[in-house]
Amino acid sequence: MKSLIVEDDPTGRLLLRDLLAPHGECHVAVNGKEAVSAYQKALEDGQPYDLVCLDIMMPEMDGHATLKEIRALEESKITDSIRGARIIMTTALDDIRNAEAAYQALCDGYLVKPVSKSKLRGLLKKLDIKEKIS
């Protein structure tokens, strides 16, 4: 499993990396602009991400705008042999409006911080990435 962790908080990045690294390659972006650039490069290289964990509140470009950019990239570049990434929004905001906005922009899941191994595992199983994480 190839993951992109998009998180401006160093502690949050480290936590998600520790949870995901045993299951495959992990890349990190500290803001939305870096994430879009990394995602575009992965698509162009033919090695797309399987999973993106995307913080909502970030400098430069917030998670909602980043999600829209990533989905637009996929729409223009994805072929039949490559499917889009599963995108999980992560946030400290336990707010239904943020969750609704994220799902409208086509996120696959939503986790309120702090993200625990059990919460992440449960969501990945629900998203059918269960064979890639234990």
Protein backbone atom coordinates (compact mmCIF):
# COMPACT_ATOMS: atom_id res chain seq x y z
CA MET A 1 0.00 0.00 0.00
CA LYS A 2 1.36 3.39 -0.98
CA SER A 3 0.15 6.23 1.27
CA LEU A 4 0.36 10.01 1.28
CA ILE A 5 0.00 11.68 4.67
CA VAL A 6 -0.96 15.35 4.42
CA GLU A 7 -0.65 16.96 7.83
CA ASP A 8 0.85 20.27 8.97
CA ASP A 9 1.22 19.17 12.60
CA PRO A 10 4.47 17.22 13.21
CA THR A 11 2.89 15.04 15.90
CA GLY A 12 -0.03 14.13 13.65
CA ARG A 13 2.31 13.29 10.78
CA LEU A 14 4.42 11.06 13.00
CA LEU A 15 1.39 9.25 14.42
CA LEU A 16 -0.10 8.48 11.01
CA ARG A 17 3.29 7.48 9.63
CA ASP A 18 3.83 5.08 12.54
CA LEU A 19 0.40 3.54 11.92
CA LEU A 20 0.79 3.19 8.15
CA ALA A 21 4.52 2.56 7.57
CA PRO A 22 4.42 -1.14 8.51
CA HIS A 23 1.96 -1.67 5.65
CA GLY A 24 3.85 0.00 2.84
CA GLU A 25 5.50 3.07 1.46
CA CYS A 26 4.55 6.37 3.15
CA HIS A 27 5.14 9.84 1.80
CA VAL A 28 4.46 13.06 3.68
CA ALA A 29 3.29 16.53 2.63
CA VAL A 30 3.00 19.39 5.11
CA ASN A 31 0.32 21.35 3.24
CA GLY A 32 -2.20 21.04 0.43
CA LYS A 33 0.03 22.49 -2.28
CA GLU A 34 2.75 19.92 -1.55
CA ALA A 35 0.10 17.18 -1.53
CA VAL A 36 -1.30 18.12 -4.94
CA SER A 37 2.22 18.25 -6.39
CA ALA A 38 3.14 14.85 -4.92
CA TYR A 39 -0.13 13.33 -6.09
CA GLN A 40 0.31 14.66 -9.62
CA LYS A 41 3.87 13.31 -9.81
CA ALA A 42 2.76 9.88 -8.59
CA LEU A 43 0.07 9.76 -11.28
CA GLU A 44 2.49 10.89 -13.99
CA ASP A 45 5.00 8.25 -12.88
CA GLY A 46 2.32 5.55 -13.10
CA GLN A 47 2.66 4.82 -9.38
CA PRO A 48 -0.45 6.36 -7.83
CA TYR A 49 -1.25 6.44 -4.15
CA ASP A 50 -3.63 3.86 -2.72
CA LEU A 51 -4.47 5.98 0.32
CA VAL A 52 -4.35 9.68 1.22
CA CYS A 53 -4.84 10.82 4.82
CA LEU A 54 -5.71 14.49 4.46
CA ASP A 55 -5.95 17.02 7.29
CA ILE A 56 -8.67 19.63 6.84
CA MET A 57 -7.09 22.62 8.59
CA MET A 58 -3.75 23.47 6.95
CA PRO A 59 -1.88 26.54 5.73
CA GLU A 60 -1.40 27.31 2.02
CA MET A 61 -4.37 25.19 0.89
CA ASP A 62 -6.88 23.59 3.24
CA GLY A 63 -7.96 19.97 3.04
CA HIS A 64 -11.25 20.66 1.26
CA ALA A 65 -9.51 22.54 -1.57
CA THR A 66 -6.79 19.87 -1.72
CA LEU A 67 -9.38 17.10 -1.98
CA LYS A 68 -11.07 18.87 -4.91
CA GLU A 69 -7.71 19.34 -6.68
CA ILE A 70 -6.75 15.69 -6.20
CA ARG A 71 -10.10 14.45 -7.52
CA ALA A 72 -9.76 16.78 -10.53
CA LEU A 73 -6.29 15.36 -11.23
CA GLU A 74 -7.68 11.86 -11.06
CA GLU A 75 -10.50 12.72 -13.41
CA SER A 76 -8.04 14.00 -16.00
CA LYS A 77 -5.40 11.28 -15.58
CA ILE A 78 -6.98 8.05 -14.32
CA THR A 79 -7.32 5.23 -16.82
CA ASP A 80 -9.18 1.93 -16.64
CA SER A 81 -6.10 0.23 -15.19
CA ILE A 82 -5.64 2.80 -12.41
CA ARG A 83 -8.34 3.74 -9.90
CA GLY A 84 -8.39 6.78 -7.69
CA ALA A 85 -7.00 6.77 -4.19
CA ARG A 86 -9.05 6.24 -1.07
CA ILE A 87 -9.02 9.59 0.70
CA ILE A 88 -9.62 9.86 4.43
CA MET A 89 -10.11 13.33 5.89
CA THR A 90 -8.57 13.77 9.34
CA THR A 91 -9.51 16.67 11.56
CA ALA A 92 -9.80 17.96 15.09
CA LEU A 93 -13.23 19.31 14.12
CA ASP A 94 -16.06 16.99 15.11
CA ASP A 95 -18.41 19.06 13.00
CA ILE A 96 -21.12 17.72 10.70
CA ARG A 97 -20.70 20.62 8.23
CA ASN A 98 -17.04 19.74 7.63
CA ALA A 99 -17.90 16.07 7.24
CA GLU A 100 -20.69 16.84 4.76
CA ALA A 101 -18.41 19.13 2.73
CA ALA A 102 -15.73 16.44 2.63
CA TYR A 103 -18.14 13.74 1.45
CA GLN A 104 -19.61 16.08 -1.17
CA ALA A 105 -16.08 16.56 -2.53
CA LEU A 106 -15.79 12.76 -2.76
CA CYS A 107 -13.73 11.76 0.24
CA ASP A 108 -14.03 8.11 1.23
CA GLY A 109 -13.87 8.50 5.00
CA TYR A 110 -13.64 10.94 7.86
CA LEU A 111 -11.73 10.52 11.15
CA VAL A 112 -11.75 12.87 14.12
CA LYS A 113 -8.37 13.27 15.84
CA PRO A 114 -6.70 11.82 17.70
CA VAL A 115 -6.58 8.99 15.18
CA SER A 116 -6.13 5.63 16.85
CA LYS A 117 -4.96 2.41 15.29
CA SER A 118 -8.35 0.81 15.89
CA LYS A 119 -10.28 3.73 14.28
CA LEU A 120 -7.97 3.73 11.27
CA ARG A 121 -8.06 -0.06 10.91
CA GLY A 122 -11.86 -0.09 11.11
CA LEU A 123 -12.22 2.56 8.43
CA LEU A 124 -9.69 0.90 6.12
CA LYS A 125 -11.58 -2.39 6.44
CA LYS A 126 -14.83 -0.59 5.66
CA LEU A 127 -13.16 0.92 2.57
CA ASP A 128 -12.01 -2.55 1.52
CA ILE A 129 -8.32 -1.88 2.10
CA LYS A 130 -8.46 -4.54 4.81
CA GLU A 131 -6.16 -6.95 3.01
CA LYS A 132 -3.47 -4.29 2.99
CA ILE A 133 -3.51 -3.50 6.71
CA SER A 134 -3.81 -5.70 9.78
